[in-house]
């Protein structure tokens, strides 16, 4: 299916930013939230949903809703498999290294599993226990499972109701709905996994980012001229978006990563895990700017091949980056000022070399599969005896009648 190269390049950029911020080097914290109080996670989730909306809308229009639904579910199964593989790698290889060398970074990362190994394993497979770094793929699985109904409803009945419901769920999350649901589940089932071990992202809040992405992708598939038209947004909206984006950028780089260092209540307005109101407003501002200026910018920029390659293999590259980060944590531990800068540079260079190699192999494999699928299978040559004593040769769908040897023809007349 056709993809938009600029979306792949942007997803590749988000993967680069996530890798830099997740690897324990001296550059992890300075590289976080470079555009303001927005992280690579918001961009990655939004772009992934946008690409899903674009691709699966086309599939639904060409092959039907049922085909689109099956494709979503197959993808959800693949993502679940990646999460299981990451958990197994963490619980075996990384746990063995971390415990044997007494690595605090690893022991803190998987403290619940080390204290309750069986509960940790089973609840991890059920996507309930989500160690740090391994808490975004479970959210993706849930979103992919729900997306067929969301997308099909939007295609059939419009997006107003879907967006209103999604906004309502986000608003409920701001007032503690997730914790209330968790406490009810504990009271009814005795759920043994603490809430803080069930992932940092509040899924009820972050579903709004996914729904926005699905809507944008669906619009790009159905009405691309309207979506990418320079006049799609009024001037006042573009001006407000510019002001918000610039203000957030300056605020982040003047104040630092914590917008309200001494006020936890106000910090919730920009909270990443809860997707606070001001953070959501900043995301919407960047969406407006990307839609308004992105197409013209993409036409003027050269092709960003490495980023496109990473973006095309986003799930594989994301999973590989998790493995690399876990290995680096197990071997080197957390970043410290005492570690030489050249060691951090080697870690980053080696990580990106490995990720580019993974992307190249994966994309090459997919390209070979696509070429094989488009190549028509050769028609086997068949032969049959003609009733008149002649040999009928069927080659490439065409029949040719060849005379049999003379003695055999004579014998046939007898």
Protein backbone atom coordinates (compact mmCIF):
# COMPACT_ATOMS: atom_id res chain seq x y z
CA UNK A 1 0.00 0.00 0.00
CA UNK A 2 1.11 3.56 -0.69
CA UNK A 3 2.71 5.41 2.19
CA UNK A 4 3.64 9.04 2.67
CA UNK A 5 7.41 9.35 2.82
CA UNK A 6 7.26 12.42 5.03
CA UNK A 7 5.32 10.47 7.68
CA UNK A 8 7.96 7.74 7.62
CA UNK A 9 10.71 10.35 7.95
CA UNK A 10 8.96 11.98 10.90
CA UNK A 11 8.49 8.62 12.61
CA UNK A 12 12.17 7.93 12.02
CA UNK A 13 12.99 11.26 13.66
CA UNK A 14 10.83 10.33 16.67
CA UNK A 15 12.72 7.03 16.95
CA UNK A 16 16.02 8.90 16.90
CA UNK A 17 14.85 11.23 19.68
CA UNK A 18 13.53 8.34 21.77
CA UNK A 19 16.78 6.44 21.40
CA UNK A 20 18.84 9.46 22.45
CA UNK A 21 16.66 10.11 25.50
CA UNK A 22 16.41 6.44 26.55
CA UNK A 23 20.10 5.57 26.28
CA UNK A 24 21.84 6.35 29.60
CA UNK A 25 24.30 8.97 28.36
CA UNK A 26 25.09 12.56 29.34
CA UNK A 27 22.95 13.78 26.42
CA UNK A 28 19.73 12.02 27.40
CA UNK A 29 18.25 14.78 29.57
CA UNK A 30 19.31 17.77 27.40
CA UNK A 31 17.81 16.07 24.33
CA UNK A 32 14.43 15.51 25.98
CA UNK A 33 11.47 17.58 24.76
CA UNK A 34 13.48 19.70 22.31
CA UNK A 35 10.48 21.54 20.82
CA UNK A 36 8.87 22.51 24.10
CA UNK A 37 6.89 20.50 26.61
CA UNK A 38 6.29 17.71 24.12
CA UNK A 39 8.23 14.47 23.89
CA UNK A 40 8.96 12.10 21.04
CA UNK A 41 6.31 9.77 22.46
CA UNK A 42 3.43 12.10 21.54
CA UNK A 43 4.77 12.47 18.02
CA UNK A 44 5.40 8.76 17.60
CA UNK A 45 1.92 7.75 18.79
CA UNK A 46 0.22 10.44 16.70
CA UNK A 47 2.16 9.58 13.53
CA UNK A 48 1.62 5.84 13.99
CA UNK A 49 -2.11 6.38 14.34
CA UNK A 50 -2.13 8.74 11.37
CA UNK A 51 -0.42 6.15 9.18
CA UNK A 52 -2.86 3.49 10.42
CA UNK A 53 -5.80 5.73 9.56
CA UNK A 54 -4.36 6.41 6.11
CA UNK A 55 -3.45 2.83 5.20
CA UNK A 56 -6.41 1.02 6.74
CA UNK A 57 -8.95 3.50 5.36
CA UNK A 58 -7.65 2.70 1.89
CA UNK A 59 -7.89 -1.00 2.66
CA UNK A 60 -11.45 -0.65 3.93
CA UNK A 61 -12.48 1.26 0.80
CA UNK A 62 -10.85 -1.26 -1.55
CA UNK A 63 -11.39 -4.58 0.26
CA UNK A 64 -14.12 -3.87 2.82
CA UNK A 65 -14.44 -3.23 6.54
CA UNK A 66 -13.96 -6.90 7.43
CA UNK A 67 -10.59 -6.99 5.66
CA UNK A 68 -9.54 -3.81 7.45
CA UNK A 69 -10.59 -5.29 10.80
CA UNK A 70 -8.56 -8.45 10.24
CA UNK A 71 -5.52 -6.40 9.25
CA UNK A 72 -5.73 -4.37 12.47
CA UNK A 73 -6.00 -7.53 14.56
CA UNK A 74 -3.07 -9.19 12.80
CA UNK A 75 -0.98 -6.12 13.51
CA UNK A 76 -2.07 -6.15 17.15
CA UNK A 77 -0.91 -9.76 17.40
CA UNK A 78 2.48 -8.84 15.93
CA UNK A 79 2.88 -5.98 18.43
CA UNK A 80 1.91 -8.31 21.28
CA UNK A 81 4.58 -10.74 20.09
CA UNK A 82 7.16 -7.95 20.21
CA UNK A 83 6.12 -7.10 23.78
CA UNK A 84 6.39 -10.73 24.86
CA UNK A 85 9.84 -11.00 23.27
CA UNK A 86 10.96 -7.84 25.10
CA UNK A 87 9.64 -9.18 28.41
CA UNK A 88 11.35 -12.53 27.97
CA UNK A 89 14.62 -10.78 27.10
CA UNK A 90 14.30 -8.56 30.18
CA UNK A 91 13.36 -11.41 32.53
CA UNK A 92 16.17 -13.71 31.36
CA UNK A 93 19.25 -12.13 29.78
CA UNK A 94 19.02 -8.67 31.36
CA UNK A 95 17.98 -10.05 34.76
CA UNK A 96 20.90 -12.48 34.74
CA UNK A 97 23.39 -9.73 33.90
CA UNK A 98 21.89 -7.23 36.32
CA UNK A 99 21.78 -9.61 39.27
CA UNK A 100 25.19 -11.17 38.61
CA UNK A 101 26.98 -7.79 38.49
CA UNK A 102 24.63 -6.18 41.04
CA UNK A 103 23.56 -3.45 38.62
CA UNK A 104 21.20 -1.03 40.44
CA UNK A 105 19.79 0.39 37.20
CA UNK A 106 18.50 -3.03 36.15
CA UNK A 107 17.35 -4.10 39.61
CA UNK A 108 15.34 -0.90 40.00
CA UNK A 109 13.88 -1.29 36.51
CA UNK A 110 12.46 -4.75 37.28
CA UNK A 111 12.11 -4.64 41.06
CA UNK A 112 8.53 -5.97 41.02
CA UNK A 113 9.52 -8.98 38.92
CA UNK A 114 12.51 -9.75 41.14
CA UNK A 115 10.24 -9.71 44.20
CA UNK A 116 7.32 -11.57 42.59
CA UNK A 117 8.68 -13.50 39.58
CA UNK A 118 5.64 -15.65 38.83
CA UNK A 119 3.15 -12.82 39.28
CA UNK A 120 5.39 -10.54 37.26
CA UNK A 121 5.66 -13.04 34.40
CA UNK A 122 1.95 -13.85 34.20
CA UNK A 123 0.78 -10.26 34.63
CA UNK A 124 3.38 -9.15 32.09
CA UNK A 125 2.02 -11.60 29.53
CA UNK A 126 -1.45 -10.24 30.31
CA UNK A 127 -0.14 -6.70 29.63
CA UNK A 128 -0.86 -5.64 33.21
CA UNK A 129 2.68 -5.46 34.54
CA UNK A 130 4.60 -2.99 32.38
CA UNK A 131 8.18 -2.25 33.46
CA UNK A 132 9.66 1.12 32.51
CA UNK A 133 10.58 1.33 28.81
CA UNK A 134 8.26 -1.60 28.13
CA UNK A 135 5.06 0.34 28.72
CA UNK A 136 4.24 1.77 25.28
CA UNK A 137 3.68 -1.42 23.24
CA UNK A 138 0.86 -2.65 25.55
CA UNK A 139 -0.91 0.65 24.91
CA UNK A 140 -0.45 0.10 21.18
CA UNK A 141 -2.01 -3.37 21.41
CA UNK A 142 -5.13 -1.96 23.05
CA UNK A 143 -5.37 0.85 20.53
CA UNK A 144 -4.99 -1.52 17.57
CA UNK A 145 -7.70 -3.81 18.95
CA UNK A 146 -10.14 -0.91 19.35
CA UNK A 147 -9.23 0.89 16.12
CA UNK A 148 -11.40 -1.15 13.70
CA UNK A 149 -14.58 0.00 15.43
CA UNK A 150 -13.34 3.58 15.85
CA UNK A 151 -12.26 3.88 12.22
CA UNK A 152 -15.31 2.16 10.75
CA UNK A 153 -17.65 4.34 12.84
CA UNK A 154 -15.82 7.45 11.71
CA UNK A 155 -16.01 6.38 8.07
CA UNK A 156 -19.73 5.59 8.24
CA UNK A 157 -21.11 8.19 10.64
CA UNK A 158 -18.53 10.96 10.84
CA UNK A 159 -15.96 11.80 13.47
CA UNK A 160 -17.81 14.28 15.66
CA UNK A 161 -19.13 11.65 18.07
CA UNK A 162 -15.86 9.73 18.17
CA UNK A 163 -13.82 12.84 18.93
CA UNK A 164 -16.32 13.99 21.57
CA UNK A 165 -16.20 10.61 23.34
CA UNK A 166 -12.40 10.54 23.17
CA UNK A 167 -12.20 14.04 24.61
CA UNK A 168 -14.58 13.01 27.40
CA UNK A 169 -12.37 10.04 28.33
CA UNK A 170 -9.32 12.29 28.38
CA UNK A 171 -11.14 14.74 30.65
CA UNK A 172 -12.18 11.92 32.99
CA UNK A 173 -8.54 10.83 33.22
CA UNK A 174 -7.56 14.34 34.35
CA UNK A 175 -9.85 13.91 37.37
CA UNK A 176 -8.50 10.50 38.43
CA UNK A 177 -10.78 8.09 36.57
CA UNK A 178 -7.92 5.66 35.92
CA UNK A 179 -7.12 5.33 39.61
CA UNK A 180 -10.79 4.86 40.47
CA UNK A 181 -11.11 2.06 37.90
CA UNK A 182 -7.94 0.45 39.26
CA UNK A 183 -9.19 0.55 42.85
CA UNK A 184 -12.49 -0.98 41.75
CA UNK A 185 -10.63 -3.75 39.91
CA UNK A 186 -8.53 -4.46 43.01
CA UNK A 187 -11.67 -4.63 45.17
CA UNK A 188 -13.42 -7.01 42.77
CA UNK A 189 -10.53 -9.24 41.68
CA UNK A 190 -7.70 -8.75 44.16
CA UNK A 191 -5.41 -7.57 41.36
CA UNK A 192 -1.88 -8.04 42.76
CA UNK A 193 -0.05 -5.55 40.51
CA UNK A 194 0.43 -2.05 41.98
CA UNK A 195 -0.81 0.81 39.83
CA UNK A 196 2.68 2.29 39.51
CA UNK A 197 3.84 -1.01 37.96
CA UNK A 198 1.18 -0.89 35.23
CA UNK A 199 2.98 1.59 33.04
CA UNK A 200 3.69 5.28 33.20
CA UNK A 201 1.28 6.28 30.43
CA UNK A 202 -2.35 6.87 31.40
CA UNK A 203 -4.07 4.97 28.60
CA UNK A 204 -7.39 6.72 29.16
CA UNK A 205 -5.70 10.06 28.50
CA UNK A 206 -3.38 8.96 25.71
CA UNK A 207 -6.15 7.39 23.65
CA UNK A 208 -7.00 10.95 22.58
CA UNK A 209 -3.66 11.22 20.77
CA UNK A 210 -4.38 7.95 18.97
CA UNK A 211 -7.91 8.95 17.97
CA UNK A 212 -6.66 12.30 16.68
CA UNK A 213 -4.12 10.44 14.57
CA UNK A 214 -6.72 8.03 13.18
CA UNK A 215 -8.95 10.95 12.26
CA UNK A 216 -6.11 12.78 10.51
CA UNK A 217 -5.09 9.65 8.62
CA UNK A 218 -8.66 8.96 7.54
CA UNK A 219 -9.03 12.55 6.35
CA UNK A 220 -5.77 12.30 4.41
CA UNK A 221 -7.08 9.19 2.65
CA UNK A 222 -10.57 10.52 1.89
CA UNK A 223 -10.05 14.27 1.37
CA UNK A 224 -6.31 14.88 0.90
CA UNK A 225 -6.72 18.18 -0.96
CA UNK A 226 -8.80 19.61 1.87
CA UNK A 227 -6.40 18.45 4.57
CA UNK A 228 -3.18 19.67 2.98
CA UNK A 229 -4.58 22.89 1.50
CA UNK A 230 -2.76 26.01 2.79
CA UNK A 231 -6.09 27.66 3.56
CA UNK A 232 -7.42 24.78 5.65
CA UNK A 233 -6.80 26.77 8.84
CA UNK A 234 -7.81 30.41 9.40
CA UNK A 235 -5.02 32.89 9.93
CA UNK A 236 -5.89 33.52 13.56
CA UNK A 237 -5.53 29.81 14.31
CA UNK A 238 -2.14 29.60 12.62
CA UNK A 239 -1.00 32.73 14.49
CA UNK A 240 -2.18 31.28 17.81
CA UNK A 241 -0.41 27.99 17.05
CA UNK A 242 2.82 29.85 16.26
CA UNK A 243 2.57 31.78 19.52
CA UNK A 244 1.91 28.65 21.59
CA UNK A 245 4.68 26.64 19.93
CA UNK A 246 7.25 29.43 20.24
CA UNK A 247 6.25 30.14 23.84
CA UNK A 248 6.56 26.47 24.78
CA UNK A 249 9.95 26.23 23.07
CA UNK A 250 11.33 29.25 24.93
CA UNK A 251 9.80 28.14 28.24
CA UNK A 252 11.33 24.67 27.97
CA UNK A 253 14.83 25.91 27.19
CA UNK A 254 14.81 28.74 29.75
CA UNK A 255 13.19 26.96 32.71
CA UNK A 256 14.25 23.39 31.96
CA UNK A 257 12.51 20.02 31.80
CA UNK A 258 10.31 20.77 34.82
CA UNK A 259 7.95 23.66 33.93
CA UNK A 260 6.96 24.34 37.55
CA UNK A 261 9.84 23.05 39.68
CA UNK A 262 8.28 24.05 43.01
CA UNK A 263 4.58 23.56 42.28
CA UNK A 264 3.45 19.96 41.74
CA UNK A 265 -0.20 20.93 41.27
CA UNK A 266 0.50 23.30 38.41
CA UNK A 267 3.01 20.84 36.94
CA UNK A 268 0.07 18.52 36.23
CA UNK A 269 -1.06 20.98 33.57
CA UNK A 270 1.97 19.90 31.53
CA UNK A 271 2.27 16.35 32.83
CA UNK A 272 3.51 13.92 30.20
CA UNK A 273 1.99 10.71 31.53
CA UNK A 274 -1.44 12.24 32.08
CA UNK A 275 -1.23 14.38 28.93
CA UNK A 276 -2.09 17.54 30.87
CA UNK A 277 -4.26 20.29 29.33
CA UNK A 278 -1.40 22.66 28.45
CA UNK A 279 0.57 19.78 27.00
CA UNK A 280 -2.40 18.80 24.84
CA UNK A 281 -2.76 22.42 23.72
CA UNK A 282 0.89 22.45 22.69
CA UNK A 283 0.42 19.23 20.73
CA UNK A 284 -2.58 20.69 18.89
CA UNK A 285 -0.53 23.78 18.04
CA UNK A 286 2.21 21.68 16.48
CA UNK A 287 -0.38 19.66 14.53
CA UNK A 288 -1.76 22.88 13.02
CA UNK A 289 1.73 24.07 12.11
CA UNK A 290 2.69 20.72 10.61
CA UNK A 291 -0.42 20.62 8.43
CA UNK A 292 -0.06 24.26 7.40
CA UNK A 293 3.65 24.38 6.62
CA UNK A 294 4.67 20.73 6.41
CA UNK A 295 3.83 20.03 2.73
CA UNK A 296 5.76 23.07 1.48
CA UNK A 297 8.70 22.23 3.73
CA UNK A 298 8.71 18.61 2.56
CA UNK A 299 8.88 19.72 -1.08
CA UNK A 300 11.94 21.87 -0.39
CA UNK A 301 13.87 19.46 1.80
CA UNK A 302 15.99 16.69 0.28
CA UNK A 303 15.00 13.07 0.79
CA UNK A 304 15.95 11.94 4.29
CA UNK A 305 16.71 8.33 3.43
CA UNK A 306 18.00 7.09 6.82
CA UNK A 307 15.01 8.57 8.67
CA UNK A 308 12.58 7.15 6.11
CA UNK A 309 14.22 3.76 6.48
CA UNK A 310 13.86 3.86 10.26
CA UNK A 311 10.25 5.00 9.96
CA UNK A 312 9.28 2.27 7.50
CA UNK A 313 10.54 -0.36 9.94
CA UNK A 314 9.27 1.50 13.00
CA UNK A 315 8.03 -1.45 15.06
CA UNK A 316 11.14 -3.52 14.41
CA UNK A 317 13.44 -0.56 15.08
CA UNK A 318 11.52 0.38 18.23
CA UNK A 319 11.83 -3.18 19.54
CA UNK A 320 15.53 -3.25 18.67
CA UNK A 321 16.07 0.06 20.45
CA UNK A 322 14.50 -1.41 23.59
CA UNK A 323 16.93 -4.32 23.51
CA UNK A 324 19.91 -2.01 22.97
CA UNK A 325 18.89 0.31 25.82
CA UNK A 326 18.42 -2.62 28.20
CA UNK A 327 21.83 -4.07 27.33
CA UNK A 328 23.52 -0.69 27.81
CA UNK A 329 21.78 -0.25 31.17
CA UNK A 330 22.88 -3.72 32.27
CA UNK A 331 26.49 -3.19 31.22
CA UNK A 332 27.11 0.51 31.90
CA UNK A 333 24.35 1.47 34.34
CA UNK A 334 22.88 4.95 34.60
CA UNK A 335 24.66 7.94 33.10
CA UNK A 336 27.25 9.54 35.37
CA UNK A 337 29.50 12.60 34.95
CA UNK A 338 32.50 10.37 35.69
CA UNK A 339 31.98 8.33 32.52
CA UNK A 340 34.17 9.69 29.69
CA UNK A 341 32.34 11.52 26.95
CA UNK A 342 33.92 9.32 24.30
CA UNK A 343 32.28 6.26 25.88
CA UNK A 344 28.86 7.91 25.63
CA UNK A 345 29.63 8.86 22.03
CA UNK A 346 30.55 5.26 21.20
CA UNK A 347 27.33 4.03 22.83
CA UNK A 348 25.23 6.39 20.70
CA UNK A 349 27.13 5.68 17.49
CA UNK A 350 26.95 1.93 18.00
CA UNK A 351 23.25 2.08 18.81
CA UNK A 352 22.36 4.05 15.69
CA UNK A 353 24.57 1.88 13.48
CA UNK A 354 22.73 -1.17 14.80
CA UNK A 355 19.30 0.41 14.31
CA UNK A 356 20.09 1.45 10.73
CA UNK A 357 21.32 -2.07 9.98
CA UNK A 358 18.14 -3.56 11.45
CA UNK A 359 16.00 -1.18 9.37
CA UNK A 360 17.92 -1.95 6.19
CA UNK A 361 17.61 -5.71 6.63
CA UNK A 362 13.93 -5.51 7.54
CA UNK A 363 13.00 -3.18 4.70
CA UNK A 364 14.98 -5.26 2.22
CA UNK A 365 13.16 -8.36 3.36
CA UNK A 366 9.78 -6.66 2.99
CA UNK A 367 10.70 -5.35 -0.46
CA UNK A 368 11.68 -8.85 -1.57
CA UNK A 369 8.39 -10.23 -0.28
CA UNK A 370 6.42 -7.53 -2.07
CA UNK A 371 8.27 -8.22 -5.33
CA UNK A 372 7.64 -11.93 -4.99
CA UNK A 373 3.95 -11.31 -4.34
CA UNK A 374 3.66 -9.17 -7.50
CA UNK A 375 5.51 -11.67 -9.72
CA UNK A 376 3.02 -13.98 -11.49
CA UNK A 377 3.63 -17.65 -10.96
CA UNK A 378 4.83 -19.51 -14.08
CA UNK A 379 2.23 -21.70 -15.73
CA UNK A 380 3.47 -25.29 -15.78
CA UNK A 381 3.82 -27.00 -19.18
CA UNK A 382 1.27 -29.73 -19.65
CA UNK A 383 0.87 -32.27 -22.42
CA UNK A 384 -1.98 -34.46 -23.45
CA UNK A 385 -2.63 -36.90 -26.28
CA UNK A 386 -4.90 -35.47 -28.92
CA UNK A 387 -7.75 -37.76 -30.05
CA UNK A 388 -6.39 -37.64 -33.61
CA UNK A 389 -3.07 -39.08 -32.51
CA UNK A 390 -1.32 -35.74 -32.11
CA UNK A 391 0.47 -34.33 -29.09
CA UNK A 392 -1.14 -31.23 -27.54
CA UNK A 393 1.41 -29.06 -25.76
CA UNK A 394 0.11 -26.38 -23.41
CA UNK A 395 2.64 -23.64 -22.71
CA UNK A 396 1.89 -20.29 -21.02
CA UNK A 397 -1.82 -20.83 -21.51
CA UNK A 398 -1.54 -21.50 -25.30
CA UNK A 399 -2.08 -24.86 -26.94
CA UNK A 400 -0.04 -26.17 -29.85
CA UNK A 401 -0.71 -29.41 -31.70
CA UNK A 402 2.43 -31.28 -32.70
CA UNK A 403 2.44 -34.32 -34.95
CA UNK A 404 3.51 -37.57 -33.34
CA UNK A 405 6.30 -39.63 -34.93
CA UNK A 406 5.24 -41.36 -38.13
CA UNK A 407 5.54 -44.92 -36.85
CA UNK A 408 3.38 -44.07 -33.82
CA UNK A 409 0.77 -42.44 -36.08
CA UNK A 410 0.73 -45.50 -38.31
CA UNK A 411 0.41 -47.72 -35.31
CA UNK A 412 -2.48 -45.67 -34.11
CA UNK A 413 -4.32 -46.23 -37.40
CA UNK A 414 -4.05 -49.97 -36.93
